[in-house]
Amino acid sequence: MDLVSLVDNFQCELDDGTSMTLDQYAAQSRHGQLSPLLVLKFSAWLVPSSMISLHDCQDSQRTPCWRIDVFKLDLHMSEFEGSPSDFLEFLRIDKLSCIFVAKGWYNSCFLILEQQGSVSWGSLRRVGAGEALWHNDEDDRGARRFADEVQFLAAKSAIRLI
């Protein structure tokens, strides 16, 4: 797949508190013992919770019909046990976050992260992933992609992923 990463400023935080780039970590891990990797730090765009919505599905047996802006969002939640309404509430109160991590020709990729510890400490844990596919508009504007349509008003946020 042709995916372009939209995250940057990657760093590793080791168990002993040392911070280094991924290249430095890779080079030092080949030459000796390092403290275990504890946290990945990087910058990414946070998707506003108001951009994620749940739509009625025609068939109640099907999975929920999620949207991110006007785009269909396929969510794959590996660690979240709550209902769709719980998911939306957790997004609203910042217990969950959605970050935009990559774009491809046909899709845009997201991670769903859960707040760990106090908000001031700011560490997150991955609980799911999402993908928004491009689609053709009914008004014949042609193919539309999340990556081309959505403009983020805020700067990228610092993320600490444990």
C-alpha atoms as a PDB file:
ATOM      1  CA  MET A   1       0.000   0.000   0.000  1.00  0.00           C
ATOM      2  CA  ASP A   2       1.103   3.537  -0.674  1.00  0.00           C
ATOM      3  CA  LEU A   3       0.765   5.185   2.722  1.00  0.00           C
ATOM      4  CA  VAL A   4       2.360   8.443   3.793  1.00  0.00           C
ATOM      5  CA  SER A   5       2.968   8.854   7.518  1.00  0.00           C
ATOM      6  CA  LEU A   6       1.559  12.065   8.958  1.00  0.00           C
ATOM      7  CA  VAL A   7       3.248  11.758  12.346  1.00  0.00           C
ATOM      8  CA  ASP A   8       6.667  13.221  13.028  1.00  0.00           C
ATOM      9  CA  ASN A   9       9.207  14.074  15.728  1.00  0.00           C
ATOM     10  CA  PHE A  10       9.494  10.438  16.845  1.00  0.00           C
ATOM     11  CA  GLN A  11      11.441   9.788  20.026  1.00  0.00           C
ATOM     12  CA  CYS A  12      11.821   6.864  22.402  1.00  0.00           C
ATOM     13  CA  GLU A  13      11.631   7.227  26.143  1.00  0.00           C
ATOM     14  CA  LEU A  14      13.437   4.448  27.972  1.00  0.00           C
ATOM     15  CA  ASP A  15      12.636   2.940  31.343  1.00  0.00           C
ATOM     16  CA  ASP A  16      15.505   4.926  32.912  1.00  0.00           C
ATOM     17  CA  GLY A  17      14.060   8.258  31.616  1.00  0.00           C
ATOM     18  CA  THR A  18      16.523   8.657  28.722  1.00  0.00           C
ATOM     19  CA  SER A  19      15.061  10.130  25.534  1.00  0.00           C
ATOM     20  CA  MET A  20      16.489   9.461  22.055  1.00  0.00           C
ATOM     21  CA  THR A  21      15.481   9.318  18.399  1.00  0.00           C
ATOM     22  CA  LEU A  22      14.428   6.018  16.852  1.00  0.00           C
ATOM     23  CA  ASP A  23      17.673   5.919  14.827  1.00  0.00           C
ATOM     24  CA  GLN A  24      19.755   6.402  17.980  1.00  0.00           C
ATOM     25  CA  TYR A  25      17.781   3.688  19.762  1.00  0.00           C
ATOM     26  CA  ALA A  26      18.244   1.245  16.856  1.00  0.00           C
ATOM     27  CA  ALA A  27      22.001   1.939  16.669  1.00  0.00           C
ATOM     28  CA  GLN A  28      22.560   1.616  20.423  1.00  0.00           C
ATOM     29  CA  SER A  29      20.426  -1.496  20.752  1.00  0.00           C
ATOM     30  CA  ARG A  30      22.683  -3.274  18.222  1.00  0.00           C
ATOM     31  CA  HIS A  31      25.788  -2.434  20.279  1.00  0.00           C
ATOM     32  CA  GLY A  32      24.794  -3.047  23.842  1.00  0.00           C
ATOM     33  CA  GLN A  33      22.228  -3.283  26.565  1.00  0.00           C
ATOM     34  CA  LEU A  34      19.658  -0.509  26.799  1.00  0.00           C
ATOM     35  CA  SER A  35      16.946   0.066  29.320  1.00  0.00           C
ATOM     36  CA  PRO A  36      13.612  -1.238  28.030  1.00  0.00           C
ATOM     37  CA  LEU A  37      11.605   1.024  25.729  1.00  0.00           C
ATOM     38  CA  LEU A  38       8.783   2.544  27.789  1.00  0.00           C
ATOM     39  CA  VAL A  39       7.118   5.229  25.653  1.00  0.00           C
ATOM     40  CA  LEU A  40       7.042   6.383  22.018  1.00  0.00           C
ATOM     41  CA  LYS A  41       6.722  10.150  21.674  1.00  0.00           C
ATOM     42  CA  PHE A  42       5.619  11.844  18.450  1.00  0.00           C
ATOM     43  CA  SER A  43       3.482  14.638  17.014  1.00  0.00           C
ATOM     44  CA  ALA A  44       0.137  13.995  15.299  1.00  0.00           C
ATOM     45  CA  TRP A  45      -3.122  15.710  14.440  1.00  0.00           C
ATOM     46  CA  LEU A  46      -5.960  15.090  16.882  1.00  0.00           C
ATOM     47  CA  VAL A  47      -9.310  14.605  15.171  1.00  0.00           C
ATOM     48  CA  PRO A  48     -11.923  16.744  16.974  1.00  0.00           C
ATOM     49  CA  SER A  49     -14.498  14.524  18.701  1.00  0.00           C
ATOM     50  CA  SER A  50     -17.273  16.500  16.983  1.00  0.00           C
ATOM     51  CA  MET A  51     -16.037  15.120  13.659  1.00  0.00           C
ATOM     52  CA  ILE A  52     -16.882  11.503  14.641  1.00  0.00           C
ATOM     53  CA  SER A  53     -20.518  10.423  14.582  1.00  0.00           C
ATOM     54  CA  LEU A  54     -22.715   7.343  14.635  1.00  0.00           C
ATOM     55  CA  HIS A  55     -25.442   6.946  12.015  1.00  0.00           C
ATOM     56  CA  ASP A  56     -28.466   4.674  11.991  1.00  0.00           C
ATOM     57  CA  CYS A  57     -27.950   1.416  10.162  1.00  0.00           C
ATOM     58  CA  GLN A  58     -30.779  -0.181   8.237  1.00  0.00           C
ATOM     59  CA  ASP A  59     -29.984  -3.615   9.667  1.00  0.00           C
ATOM     60  CA  SER A  60     -29.789  -3.810  13.468  1.00  0.00           C
ATOM     61  CA  GLN A  61     -27.623  -6.956  13.215  1.00  0.00           C
ATOM     62  CA  ARG A  62     -24.820  -5.076  11.446  1.00  0.00           C
ATOM     63  CA  THR A  63     -21.965  -3.257  13.099  1.00  0.00           C
ATOM     64  CA  PRO A  64     -22.428   0.461  13.875  1.00  0.00           C
ATOM     65  CA  CYS A  65     -22.213   2.901  10.939  1.00  0.00           C
ATOM     66  CA  TRP A  66     -19.501   5.368  11.929  1.00  0.00           C
ATOM     67  CA  ARG A  67     -18.581   8.572  10.088  1.00  0.00           C
ATOM     68  CA  ILE A  68     -15.570  10.823  10.348  1.00  0.00           C
ATOM     69  CA  ASP A  69     -16.698  14.143   8.910  1.00  0.00           C
ATOM     70  CA  VAL A  70     -18.731  12.955   5.860  1.00  0.00           C
ATOM     71  CA  PHE A  71     -16.608   9.853   5.271  1.00  0.00           C
ATOM     72  CA  LYS A  72     -17.497   6.288   6.261  1.00  0.00           C
ATOM     73  CA  LEU A  73     -15.199   5.161   9.073  1.00  0.00           C
ATOM     74  CA  ASP A  74     -14.387   1.483   9.624  1.00  0.00           C
ATOM     75  CA  LEU A  75     -13.452   1.149  13.290  1.00  0.00           C
ATOM     76  CA  HIS A  76     -11.588  -1.874  14.634  1.00  0.00           C
ATOM     77  CA  MET A  77     -11.621  -1.727  18.416  1.00  0.00           C
ATOM     78  CA  SER A  78      -9.313  -4.319  19.955  1.00  0.00           C
ATOM     79  CA  GLU A  79      -9.255  -3.036  23.533  1.00  0.00           C
ATOM     80  CA  PHE A  80     -12.464  -1.032  24.061  1.00  0.00           C
ATOM     81  CA  GLU A  81     -15.311  -2.967  25.670  1.00  0.00           C
ATOM     82  CA  GLY A  82     -18.030  -0.301  25.839  1.00  0.00           C
ATOM     83  CA  SER A  83     -21.048   0.408  23.671  1.00  0.00           C
ATOM     84  CA  PRO A  84     -21.037   2.830  20.708  1.00  0.00           C
ATOM     85  CA  SER A  85     -22.632   5.507  22.910  1.00  0.00           C
ATOM     86  CA  ASP A  86     -19.874   4.928  25.529  1.00  0.00           C
ATOM     87  CA  PHE A  87     -17.298   5.362  22.771  1.00  0.00           C
ATOM     88  CA  LEU A  88     -18.797   8.721  21.722  1.00  0.00           C
ATOM     89  CA  GLU A  89     -18.989   9.910  25.339  1.00  0.00           C
ATOM     90  CA  PHE A  90     -15.352   8.905  26.007  1.00  0.00           C
ATOM     91  CA  LEU A  91     -14.320  10.903  22.920  1.00  0.00           C
ATOM     92  CA  ARG A  92     -16.338  13.901  24.116  1.00  0.00           C
ATOM     93  CA  ILE A  93     -14.734  13.910  27.602  1.00  0.00           C
ATOM     94  CA  ASP A  94     -11.206  13.272  26.197  1.00  0.00           C
ATOM     95  CA  LYS A  95     -10.847   9.807  27.738  1.00  0.00           C
ATOM     96  CA  LEU A  96     -10.419   8.578  24.136  1.00  0.00           C
ATOM     97  CA  SER A  97      -8.662  10.387  21.289  1.00  0.00           C
ATOM     98  CA  CYS A  98      -8.548   9.788  17.571  1.00  0.00           C
ATOM     99  CA  ILE A  99      -5.326  10.736  15.780  1.00  0.00           C
ATOM    100  CA  PHE A 100      -4.759  10.992  12.028  1.00  0.00           C
ATOM    101  CA  VAL A 101      -1.633   8.915  11.352  1.00  0.00           C
ATOM    102  CA  ALA A 102      -1.391   8.188   7.618  1.00  0.00           C
ATOM    103  CA  LYS A 103      -2.929   8.826   4.238  1.00  0.00           C
ATOM    104  CA  GLY A 104      -2.931   6.726   1.121  1.00  0.00           C
ATOM    105  CA  TRP A 105      -4.378   7.133  -2.333  1.00  0.00           C
ATOM    106  CA  TYR A 106      -7.638   5.377  -1.360  1.00  0.00           C
ATOM    107  CA  ASN A 107      -7.734   5.673   2.418  1.00  0.00           C
ATOM    108  CA  SER A 108      -6.863   7.604   5.545  1.00  0.00           C
ATOM    109  CA  CYS A 109      -5.731   5.799   8.706  1.00  0.00           C
ATOM    110  CA  PHE A 110      -6.390   6.636  12.352  1.00  0.00           C
ATOM    111  CA  LEU A 111      -5.463   5.321  15.786  1.00  0.00           C
ATOM    112  CA  ILE A 112      -7.868   5.353  18.715  1.00  0.00           C
ATOM    113  CA  LEU A 113      -6.004   6.080  21.945  1.00  0.00           C
ATOM    114  CA  GLU A 114      -7.121   5.857  25.566  1.00  0.00           C
ATOM    115  CA  GLN A 115      -5.886   8.230  28.270  1.00  0.00           C
ATOM    116  CA  GLN A 116      -3.721   6.484  30.888  1.00  0.00           C
ATOM    117  CA  GLY A 117      -3.123   8.053  34.285  1.00  0.00           C
ATOM    118  CA  SER A 118      -3.709  11.738  34.889  1.00  0.00           C
ATOM    119  CA  VAL A 119      -4.360  14.069  31.974  1.00  0.00           C
ATOM    120  CA  SER A 120      -1.336  16.185  32.951  1.00  0.00           C
ATOM    121  CA  TRP A 121       0.989  13.179  32.539  1.00  0.00           C
ATOM    122  CA  GLY A 122      -0.551  12.611  29.123  1.00  0.00           C
ATOM    123  CA  SER A 123       0.292   8.991  28.257  1.00  0.00           C
ATOM    124  CA  LEU A 124      -1.982   7.152  25.866  1.00  0.00           C
ATOM    125  CA  ARG A 125      -2.563   3.486  24.997  1.00  0.00           C
ATOM    126  CA  ARG A 126      -3.782   2.230  21.601  1.00  0.00           C
ATOM    127  CA  VAL A 127      -7.228   0.638  21.870  1.00  0.00           C
ATOM    128  CA  GLY A 128      -8.223   0.565  18.215  1.00  0.00           C
ATOM    129  CA  ALA A 129      -7.682   1.706  14.666  1.00  0.00           C
ATOM    130  CA  GLY A 130      -9.829   3.187  11.941  1.00  0.00           C
ATOM    131  CA  GLU A 131      -9.821   3.662   8.212  1.00  0.00           C
ATOM    132  CA  ALA A 132     -11.785   6.111   6.066  1.00  0.00           C
ATOM    133  CA  LEU A 133     -12.015   5.179   2.385  1.00  0.00           C
ATOM    134  CA  TRP A 134     -12.389   7.645  -0.459  1.00  0.00           C
ATOM    135  CA  HIS A 135     -15.790   7.826  -2.075  1.00  0.00           C
ATOM    136  CA  ASN A 136     -17.543   9.368  -5.054  1.00  0.00           C
ATOM    137  CA  ASP A 137     -19.887  12.206  -4.227  1.00  0.00           C
ATOM    138  CA  GLU A 138     -23.509  12.191  -5.316  1.00  0.00           C
ATOM    139  CA  ASP A 139     -23.057  15.660  -6.837  1.00  0.00           C
ATOM    140  CA  ASP A 140     -20.434  14.330  -9.310  1.00  0.00           C
ATOM    141  CA  ARG A 141     -17.520  16.243  -7.809  1.00  0.00           C
ATOM    142  CA  GLY A 142     -15.481  13.077  -8.223  1.00  0.00           C
ATOM    143  CA  ALA A 143     -13.517  11.076  -5.690  1.00  0.00           C
ATOM    144  CA  ARG A 144     -13.159  12.653  -2.255  1.00  0.00           C
ATOM    145  CA  ARG A 145     -10.635  11.733   0.419  1.00  0.00           C
ATOM    146  CA  PHE A 146     -10.515  12.692   4.079  1.00  0.00           C
ATOM    147  CA  ALA A 147      -6.856  13.693   3.644  1.00  0.00           C
ATOM    148  CA  ASP A 148      -7.755  16.177   0.885  1.00  0.00           C
ATOM    149  CA  GLU A 149     -10.972  17.580   2.352  1.00  0.00           C
ATOM    150  CA  VAL A 150     -10.259  18.160   6.043  1.00  0.00           C
ATOM    151  CA  GLN A 151      -8.152  21.058   7.264  1.00  0.00           C
ATOM    152  CA  PHE A 152      -6.974  20.944  10.872  1.00  0.00           C
ATOM    153  CA  LEU A 153      -7.190  24.314  12.595  1.00  0.00           C
ATOM    154  CA  ALA A 154      -4.878  23.377  15.455  1.00  0.00           C
ATOM    155  CA  ALA A 155      -1.220  22.409  15.307  1.00  0.00           C
ATOM    156  CA  LYS A 156      -0.145  18.830  15.802  1.00  0.00           C
ATOM    157  CA  SER A 157      -0.278  17.607  19.387  1.00  0.00           C
ATOM    158  CA  ALA A 158       2.477  15.880  21.349  1.00  0.00           C
ATOM    159  CA  ILE A 159       1.545  12.224  21.907  1.00  0.00           C
ATOM    160  CA  ARG A 160       3.053   9.826  24.489  1.00  0.00           C
ATOM    161  CA  LEU A 161       2.125   6.260  23.531  1.00  0.00           C
ATOM    162  CA  ILE A 162       2.809   3.559  26.111  1.00  0.00           C
END
